[in-house]
Amino acid sequence: MKLLKELLKLFEQGLFGFALFLTLIILLKLFSCYVLKYELLFTVDMTDIHLSSVGFVLTFLIALLKRLGATPEEIQEEDI
């Protein structure tokens, strides 16, 4: 049960990274489309989703490595 709880926390942090990267990509595309008039049509492609998955993997791995290197006392302090 505790392992499942830890994995859910890591997954949640990964989703945060995914959302952060996707938001950044969308904002930059909107900026280039409407402000700079660089593109005529605003689209979100599958490549944008794939690029956002890098954010998921990075934040998931960073959180996992922090958990692996932490002592049990440090982990309990984070949970509070």
N, C-alpha and C. Protein backbone atom coordinates (compact mmCIF):
# COMPACT_ATOMS: atom_id res chain seq x y z
N MET A 1 0.82 -1.19 0.00
CA MET A 1 0.00 0.00 0.00
C MET A 1 0.87 1.26 0.00
N LYS A 2 1.95 1.22 0.79
CA LYS A 2 2.84 2.38 0.85
C LYS A 2 3.55 2.58 -0.49
N LEU A 3 3.92 1.47 -1.15
CA LEU A 3 4.57 1.57 -2.46
C LEU A 3 3.64 2.20 -3.48
N LEU A 4 2.38 1.81 -3.46
CA LEU A 4 1.40 2.37 -4.38
C LEU A 4 1.22 3.87 -4.14
N LYS A 5 1.22 4.27 -2.86
CA LYS A 5 1.09 5.68 -2.52
C LYS A 5 2.30 6.47 -3.04
N GLU A 6 3.48 5.91 -2.91
CA GLU A 6 4.70 6.57 -3.40
C GLU A 6 4.69 6.68 -4.92
N LEU A 7 4.25 5.62 -5.60
CA LEU A 7 4.18 5.66 -7.06
C LEU A 7 3.15 6.67 -7.55
N LEU A 8 2.05 6.80 -6.83
CA LEU A 8 1.04 7.79 -7.22
C LEU A 8 1.57 9.21 -7.05
N LYS A 9 2.39 9.45 -6.02
CA LYS A 9 3.00 10.77 -5.86
C LYS A 9 3.95 11.07 -7.00
N LEU A 10 4.74 10.08 -7.39
CA LEU A 10 5.67 10.27 -8.50
C LEU A 10 4.92 10.51 -9.80
N PHE A 11 3.84 9.75 -10.02
CA PHE A 11 3.03 9.91 -11.22
C PHE A 11 2.39 11.29 -11.26
N GLU A 12 1.94 11.77 -10.10
CA GLU A 12 1.34 13.11 -10.01
C GLU A 12 2.36 14.19 -10.38
N GLN A 13 3.58 14.04 -9.91
CA GLN A 13 4.61 15.01 -10.25
C GLN A 13 4.96 14.94 -11.74
N GLY A 14 4.93 13.73 -12.30
CA GLY A 14 5.16 13.59 -13.73
C GLY A 14 4.08 14.27 -14.55
N LEU A 15 2.83 14.14 -14.12
CA LEU A 15 1.73 14.81 -14.83
C LEU A 15 1.86 16.32 -14.74
N PHE A 16 2.34 16.81 -13.61
CA PHE A 16 2.58 18.24 -13.47
C PHE A 16 3.62 18.71 -14.49
N GLY A 17 4.69 17.94 -14.65
CA GLY A 17 5.72 18.28 -15.64
C GLY A 17 5.18 18.25 -17.05
N PHE A 18 4.33 17.26 -17.36
CA PHE A 18 3.70 17.17 -18.67
C PHE A 18 2.85 18.41 -18.94
N ALA A 19 2.02 18.77 -17.96
CA ALA A 19 1.14 19.93 -18.12
C ALA A 19 1.95 21.22 -18.25
N LEU A 20 3.03 21.32 -17.52
CA LEU A 20 3.87 22.51 -17.59
C LEU A 20 4.50 22.66 -18.97
N PHE A 21 5.04 21.57 -19.50
CA PHE A 21 5.65 21.62 -20.83
C PHE A 21 4.61 21.91 -21.90
N LEU A 22 3.44 21.26 -21.82
CA LEU A 22 2.39 21.47 -22.82
C LEU A 22 1.89 22.92 -22.78
N THR A 23 1.72 23.46 -21.58
CA THR A 23 1.29 24.86 -21.46
C THR A 23 2.31 25.80 -22.06
N LEU A 24 3.58 25.54 -21.80
CA LEU A 24 4.63 26.37 -22.35
C LEU A 24 4.65 26.31 -23.89
N ILE A 25 4.48 25.13 -24.44
CA ILE A 25 4.46 24.97 -25.90
C ILE A 25 3.28 25.72 -26.50
N ILE A 26 2.10 25.58 -25.89
CA ILE A 26 0.90 26.25 -26.41
C ILE A 26 1.05 27.76 -26.34
N LEU A 27 1.57 28.26 -25.22
CA LEU A 27 1.76 29.71 -25.09
C LEU A 27 2.74 30.25 -26.12
N LEU A 28 3.82 29.52 -26.36
CA LEU A 28 4.78 29.96 -27.37
C LEU A 28 4.20 29.91 -28.77
N LYS A 29 3.39 28.90 -29.05
CA LYS A 29 2.75 28.83 -30.37
C LYS A 29 1.74 29.96 -30.55
N LEU A 30 0.98 30.26 -29.49
CA LEU A 30 0.04 31.37 -29.56
C LEU A 30 0.77 32.69 -29.78
N PHE A 31 1.87 32.86 -29.09
CA PHE A 31 2.67 34.08 -29.25
C PHE A 31 3.20 34.20 -30.67
N SER A 32 3.71 33.11 -31.22
CA SER A 32 4.26 33.18 -32.57
C SER A 32 3.16 33.35 -33.62
N CYS A 33 1.97 32.86 -33.34
CA CYS A 33 0.88 32.94 -34.31
C CYS A 33 0.22 34.31 -34.31
N TYR A 34 -0.10 34.82 -33.13
CA TYR A 34 -0.90 36.04 -33.06
C TYR A 34 -0.07 37.31 -32.89
N VAL A 35 1.04 37.23 -32.23
CA VAL A 35 1.82 38.43 -31.99
C VAL A 35 2.86 38.64 -33.08
N LEU A 36 3.62 37.59 -33.37
CA LEU A 36 4.67 37.71 -34.37
C LEU A 36 4.19 37.46 -35.79
N LYS A 37 3.00 36.92 -35.94
CA LYS A 37 2.43 36.57 -37.26
C LYS A 37 3.36 35.63 -38.02
N TYR A 38 4.03 34.75 -37.27
CA TYR A 38 4.98 33.81 -37.86
C TYR A 38 4.26 32.67 -38.57
N GLU A 39 3.18 32.19 -37.97
CA GLU A 39 2.38 31.13 -38.58
C GLU A 39 0.98 31.67 -38.86
N LEU A 40 0.36 31.16 -39.90
CA LEU A 40 -0.98 31.61 -40.24
C LEU A 40 -2.07 30.88 -39.47
N LEU A 41 -1.78 29.64 -39.07
CA LEU A 41 -2.79 28.80 -38.42
C LEU A 41 -2.23 28.25 -37.12
N PHE A 42 -3.01 28.34 -36.07
CA PHE A 42 -2.61 27.79 -34.77
C PHE A 42 -3.05 26.34 -34.67
N THR A 43 -2.10 25.44 -34.51
CA THR A 43 -2.41 24.02 -34.37
C THR A 43 -1.55 23.41 -33.27
N VAL A 44 -2.09 22.38 -32.65
CA VAL A 44 -1.33 21.59 -31.68
C VAL A 44 -1.20 20.20 -32.30
N ASP A 45 0.01 19.81 -32.60
CA ASP A 45 0.27 18.55 -33.29
C ASP A 45 0.62 17.45 -32.28
N MET A 46 0.70 16.23 -32.78
CA MET A 46 1.13 15.12 -31.94
C MET A 46 2.57 15.28 -31.51
N THR A 47 3.38 15.97 -32.30
CA THR A 47 4.76 16.20 -31.89
C THR A 47 4.82 17.07 -30.64
N ASP A 48 3.86 17.96 -30.48
CA ASP A 48 3.80 18.78 -29.27
C ASP A 48 3.48 17.92 -28.05
N ILE A 49 2.60 16.95 -28.24
CA ILE A 49 2.26 16.03 -27.15
C ILE A 49 3.47 15.16 -26.81
N HIS A 50 4.16 14.68 -27.83
CA HIS A 50 5.36 13.87 -27.59
C HIS A 50 6.44 14.67 -26.88
N LEU A 51 6.60 15.91 -27.26
CA LEU A 51 7.58 16.76 -26.61
C LEU A 51 7.19 17.02 -25.16
N SER A 52 5.92 17.14 -24.89
CA SER A 52 5.46 17.34 -23.52
C SER A 52 5.70 16.10 -22.66
N SER A 53 5.71 14.94 -23.28
CA SER A 53 5.99 13.72 -22.51
C SER A 53 7.42 13.73 -21.97
N VAL A 54 8.30 14.51 -22.58
CA VAL A 54 9.65 14.69 -22.03
C VAL A 54 9.54 15.34 -20.65
N GLY A 55 8.63 16.28 -20.50
CA GLY A 55 8.40 16.91 -19.20
C GLY A 55 7.93 15.91 -18.15
N PHE A 56 7.07 14.98 -18.57
CA PHE A 56 6.62 13.94 -17.65
C PHE A 56 7.79 13.08 -17.20
N VAL A 57 8.58 12.63 -18.15
CA VAL A 57 9.70 11.74 -17.83
C VAL A 57 10.72 12.45 -16.95
N LEU A 58 11.05 13.69 -17.28
CA LEU A 58 12.05 14.41 -16.49
C LEU A 58 11.60 14.62 -15.06
N THR A 59 10.40 15.11 -14.85
CA THR A 59 9.96 15.37 -13.48
C THR A 59 9.74 14.08 -12.71
N PHE A 60 9.29 13.03 -13.39
CA PHE A 60 9.13 11.72 -12.74
C PHE A 60 10.49 11.20 -12.28
N LEU A 61 11.48 11.26 -13.15
CA LEU A 61 12.80 10.76 -12.79
C LEU A 61 13.47 11.60 -11.71
N ILE A 62 13.31 12.89 -11.76
CA ILE A 62 13.89 13.76 -10.72
C ILE A 62 13.26 13.43 -9.37
N ALA A 63 11.95 13.29 -9.33
CA ALA A 63 11.27 12.96 -8.07
C ALA A 63 11.67 11.57 -7.59
N LEU A 64 11.82 10.62 -8.50
CA LEU A 64 12.22 9.27 -8.13
C LEU A 64 13.63 9.26 -7.55
N LEU A 65 14.54 9.97 -8.19
CA LEU A 65 15.91 10.01 -7.69
C LEU A 65 16.00 10.73 -6.34
N LYS A 66 15.18 11.74 -6.15
CA LYS A 66 15.15 12.40 -4.84
C LYS A 66 14.67 11.44 -3.76
N ARG A 67 13.64 10.65 -4.10
CA ARG A 67 13.10 9.68 -3.14
C ARG A 67 14.11 8.58 -2.84
N LEU A 68 14.84 8.14 -3.84
CA LEU A 68 15.81 7.06 -3.62
C LEU A 68 16.99 7.52 -2.77
N GLY A 69 17.37 8.78 -2.89
CA GLY A 69 18.50 9.30 -2.14
C GLY A 69 18.13 9.84 -0.77
N ALA A 70 16.84 9.92 -0.45
CA ALA A 70 16.41 10.51 0.81
C ALA A 70 16.36 9.45 1.91
N THR A 71 16.57 9.90 3.12
CA THR A 71 16.43 9.02 4.28
C THR A 71 14.95 8.91 4.63
N PRO A 72 14.57 7.89 5.39
CA PRO A 72 13.14 7.77 5.76
C PRO A 72 12.61 8.98 6.53
N GLU A 73 13.47 9.64 7.30
CA GLU A 73 13.03 10.82 8.04
C GLU A 73 12.70 11.96 7.08
N GLU A 74 13.52 12.13 6.06
CA GLU A 74 13.28 13.20 5.08
C GLU A 74 12.00 12.95 4.30
N ILE A 75 11.72 11.69 4.00
CA ILE A 75 10.51 11.35 3.27
C ILE A 75 9.28 11.65 4.13
N GLN A 76 9.35 11.33 5.43
CA GLN A 76 8.22 11.59 6.31
C GLN A 76 8.00 13.10 6.46
N GLU A 77 9.07 13.88 6.46
CA GLU A 77 8.93 15.33 6.55
C GLU A 77 8.25 15.89 5.31
N GLU A 78 8.51 15.30 4.14
CA GLU A 78 7.87 15.75 2.91
C GLU A 78 6.38 15.42 2.91
N ASP A 79 6.01 14.31 3.54
CA ASP A 79 4.62 13.88 3.56
C ASP A 79 3.75 14.75 4.45
N ILE A 80 4.35 15.41 5.42
CA ILE A 80 3.58 16.22 6.37
C ILE A 80 3.13 17.52 5.76
